[in-house]
Amino acid sequence: MLSVTSATRVLVATTPVDLRGSFNRLYSLVVEQLKGDPLSGHLFVFSLIKVANFELGFPLSRSTGFY
C-alpha cells in the first residue's frame, strides 16, 4: 500500500520511456534523469507515450474518495 504524506515528492518523467526495460533500467533513469533516489519513498511516474495532459488521482481518505 502506498503511503503518501505531505513530504512525499512526485517526480514525473516528461519524455516517453520504453517500459519493456528491466527494473535496473528504470532505476538508472530515476538516478540519471530525474536526479532522485529510487529508495527514498518518493513516487516516480513514467509514461509509455507522450502525454500532453494527465490527471493523477489518489485517495485522500476513505470518506472523501479521490481528489
N, C-alpha and C. Protein backbone atom coordinates (compact mmCIF):
# COMPACT_ATOMS: atom_id res chain seq x y z
N MET A 1 0.84 -1.17 0.00
CA MET A 1 0.00 0.00 0.00
C MET A 1 0.88 1.23 0.00
N LEU A 2 0.49 2.22 -0.76
CA LEU A 2 1.25 3.46 -0.84
C LEU A 2 0.90 4.37 0.33
N SER A 3 1.91 4.95 0.90
CA SER A 3 1.71 5.91 1.97
C SER A 3 2.17 7.27 1.47
N VAL A 4 1.22 8.14 1.19
CA VAL A 4 1.53 9.47 0.64
C VAL A 4 1.32 10.49 1.74
N THR A 5 2.39 11.21 2.07
CA THR A 5 2.32 12.27 3.07
C THR A 5 2.66 13.59 2.41
N SER A 6 2.63 14.65 3.16
CA SER A 6 2.97 15.97 2.60
C SER A 6 4.46 16.05 2.26
N ALA A 7 5.26 15.16 2.79
CA ALA A 7 6.69 15.16 2.50
C ALA A 7 7.03 14.32 1.26
N THR A 8 6.06 13.57 0.75
CA THR A 8 6.29 12.72 -0.42
C THR A 8 6.33 13.56 -1.68
N ARG A 9 7.40 13.43 -2.43
CA ARG A 9 7.53 14.13 -3.71
C ARG A 9 7.11 13.21 -4.83
N VAL A 10 6.54 13.79 -5.88
CA VAL A 10 6.16 13.04 -7.07
C VAL A 10 6.98 13.60 -8.23
N LEU A 11 7.88 12.79 -8.78
CA LEU A 11 8.71 13.22 -9.90
C LEU A 11 8.18 12.56 -11.16
N VAL A 12 7.96 13.37 -12.21
CA VAL A 12 7.34 12.89 -13.44
C VAL A 12 8.33 13.02 -14.58
N ALA A 13 8.56 11.92 -15.29
CA ALA A 13 9.40 11.96 -16.48
C ALA A 13 8.60 12.61 -17.60
N THR A 14 9.17 13.61 -18.25
CA THR A 14 8.44 14.35 -19.28
C THR A 14 8.60 13.76 -20.67
N THR A 15 9.50 12.82 -20.83
CA THR A 15 9.68 12.17 -22.12
C THR A 15 9.20 10.72 -22.02
N PRO A 16 8.71 10.16 -23.13
CA PRO A 16 8.26 8.76 -23.10
C PRO A 16 9.40 7.80 -22.75
N VAL A 17 9.04 6.74 -22.05
CA VAL A 17 10.01 5.74 -21.61
C VAL A 17 9.58 4.38 -22.11
N ASP A 18 10.52 3.60 -22.63
CA ASP A 18 10.22 2.23 -23.04
C ASP A 18 10.09 1.39 -21.78
N LEU A 19 8.87 1.05 -21.43
CA LEU A 19 8.62 0.34 -20.17
C LEU A 19 8.91 -1.15 -20.25
N ARG A 20 9.39 -1.62 -21.39
CA ARG A 20 9.77 -3.03 -21.50
C ARG A 20 11.12 -3.29 -20.87
N GLY A 21 11.81 -2.24 -20.48
CA GLY A 21 13.12 -2.38 -19.86
C GLY A 21 13.01 -3.01 -18.48
N SER A 22 14.11 -3.39 -17.94
CA SER A 22 14.13 -4.03 -16.63
C SER A 22 14.01 -2.99 -15.52
N PHE A 23 13.89 -3.49 -14.31
CA PHE A 23 13.86 -2.61 -13.14
C PHE A 23 15.14 -1.79 -13.08
N ASN A 24 16.28 -2.39 -13.45
CA ASN A 24 17.55 -1.67 -13.43
C ASN A 24 17.55 -0.49 -14.38
N ARG A 25 16.87 -0.61 -15.51
CA ARG A 25 16.76 0.50 -16.47
C ARG A 25 15.98 1.66 -15.87
N LEU A 26 14.83 1.38 -15.24
CA LEU A 26 14.04 2.43 -14.60
C LEU A 26 14.79 3.04 -13.43
N TYR A 27 15.51 2.22 -12.69
CA TYR A 27 16.33 2.69 -11.58
C TYR A 27 17.35 3.71 -12.08
N SER A 28 18.03 3.38 -13.19
CA SER A 28 19.05 4.29 -13.73
C SER A 28 18.42 5.57 -14.28
N LEU A 29 17.20 5.49 -14.84
CA LEU A 29 16.51 6.69 -15.30
C LEU A 29 16.19 7.63 -14.14
N VAL A 30 15.78 7.07 -13.02
CA VAL A 30 15.49 7.89 -11.85
C VAL A 30 16.76 8.59 -11.37
N VAL A 31 17.85 7.86 -11.31
CA VAL A 31 19.10 8.43 -10.82
C VAL A 31 19.68 9.46 -11.78
N GLU A 32 19.74 9.13 -13.07
CA GLU A 32 20.42 9.99 -14.04
C GLU A 32 19.57 11.15 -14.55
N GLN A 33 18.30 10.90 -14.85
CA GLN A 33 17.49 11.95 -15.46
C GLN A 33 16.64 12.72 -14.46
N LEU A 34 16.06 12.04 -13.50
CA LEU A 34 15.21 12.72 -12.52
C LEU A 34 15.99 13.18 -11.30
N LYS A 35 17.25 12.77 -11.21
CA LYS A 35 18.12 13.14 -10.09
C LYS A 35 17.49 12.79 -8.74
N GLY A 36 16.90 11.61 -8.69
CA GLY A 36 16.25 11.16 -7.47
C GLY A 36 16.86 9.88 -6.94
N ASP A 37 16.47 9.53 -5.74
CA ASP A 37 16.91 8.29 -5.12
C ASP A 37 15.73 7.31 -5.16
N PRO A 38 15.84 6.24 -5.93
CA PRO A 38 14.72 5.30 -6.06
C PRO A 38 14.28 4.67 -4.74
N LEU A 39 15.13 4.67 -3.74
CA LEU A 39 14.80 4.06 -2.46
C LEU A 39 14.34 5.08 -1.43
N SER A 40 14.06 6.32 -1.85
CA SER A 40 13.71 7.40 -0.94
C SER A 40 12.28 7.35 -0.44
N GLY A 41 11.41 6.61 -1.14
CA GLY A 41 10.00 6.59 -0.76
C GLY A 41 9.16 7.56 -1.57
N HIS A 42 9.80 8.35 -2.42
CA HIS A 42 9.06 9.26 -3.29
C HIS A 42 8.47 8.48 -4.46
N LEU A 43 7.52 9.10 -5.17
CA LEU A 43 6.86 8.44 -6.29
C LEU A 43 7.47 8.92 -7.60
N PHE A 44 7.71 8.00 -8.52
CA PHE A 44 8.28 8.31 -9.82
C PHE A 44 7.29 7.85 -10.88
N VAL A 45 6.88 8.76 -11.77
CA VAL A 45 5.86 8.48 -12.76
C VAL A 45 6.49 8.46 -14.14
N PHE A 46 6.26 7.36 -14.87
CA PHE A 46 6.76 7.21 -16.23
C PHE A 46 5.58 6.97 -17.15
N SER A 47 5.73 7.38 -18.41
CA SER A 47 4.69 7.17 -19.40
C SER A 47 5.30 6.49 -20.61
N LEU A 48 4.52 5.62 -21.23
CA LEU A 48 4.97 4.92 -22.42
C LEU A 48 4.88 5.82 -23.65
N ILE A 49 3.91 6.71 -23.66
CA ILE A 49 3.71 7.60 -24.80
C ILE A 49 3.76 9.05 -24.33
N LYS A 50 3.93 9.97 -25.27
CA LYS A 50 3.93 11.38 -24.91
C LYS A 50 2.51 11.79 -24.56
N VAL A 51 2.37 12.40 -23.40
CA VAL A 51 1.06 12.80 -22.90
C VAL A 51 1.06 14.30 -22.70
N ALA A 52 0.11 14.99 -23.34
CA ALA A 52 0.02 16.44 -23.20
C ALA A 52 -0.54 16.81 -21.83
N ASN A 53 -1.59 16.16 -21.43
CA ASN A 53 -2.23 16.40 -20.14
C ASN A 53 -2.54 15.07 -19.48
N PHE A 54 -2.39 15.01 -18.20
CA PHE A 54 -2.78 13.81 -17.48
C PHE A 54 -3.27 14.21 -16.10
N GLU A 55 -4.00 13.31 -15.50
CA GLU A 55 -4.54 13.56 -14.18
C GLU A 55 -4.10 12.42 -13.28
N LEU A 56 -3.58 12.76 -12.14
CA LEU A 56 -3.14 11.77 -11.17
C LEU A 56 -4.06 11.85 -9.98
N GLY A 57 -4.79 10.79 -9.73
CA GLY A 57 -5.71 10.78 -8.60
C GLY A 57 -5.24 9.80 -7.55
N PHE A 58 -5.42 10.17 -6.32
CA PHE A 58 -5.10 9.26 -5.24
C PHE A 58 -6.07 9.52 -4.10
N PRO A 59 -6.36 8.50 -3.34
CA PRO A 59 -7.34 8.68 -2.27
C PRO A 59 -6.78 9.53 -1.13
N LEU A 60 -7.55 10.52 -0.71
CA LEU A 60 -7.16 11.32 0.44
C LEU A 60 -7.55 10.62 1.73
N SER A 61 -8.73 10.06 1.73
CA SER A 61 -9.18 9.27 2.87
C SER A 61 -10.33 8.40 2.41
N ARG A 62 -10.76 7.52 3.22
CA ARG A 62 -11.85 6.63 2.83
C ARG A 62 -13.17 7.40 2.71
N SER A 63 -13.31 8.48 3.46
CA SER A 63 -14.57 9.20 3.44
C SER A 63 -14.68 10.18 2.27
N THR A 64 -13.54 10.74 1.82
CA THR A 64 -13.62 11.75 0.76
C THR A 64 -13.44 11.17 -0.62
N GLY A 65 -12.94 9.96 -0.75
CA GLY A 65 -12.73 9.37 -2.07
C GLY A 65 -11.50 9.92 -2.74
N PHE A 66 -11.58 10.09 -4.06
CA PHE A 66 -10.42 10.53 -4.82
C PHE A 66 -10.41 12.03 -4.97
N TYR A 67 -9.21 12.60 -5.04
CA TYR A 67 -9.05 14.04 -5.23
C TYR A 67 -8.60 14.30 -6.63
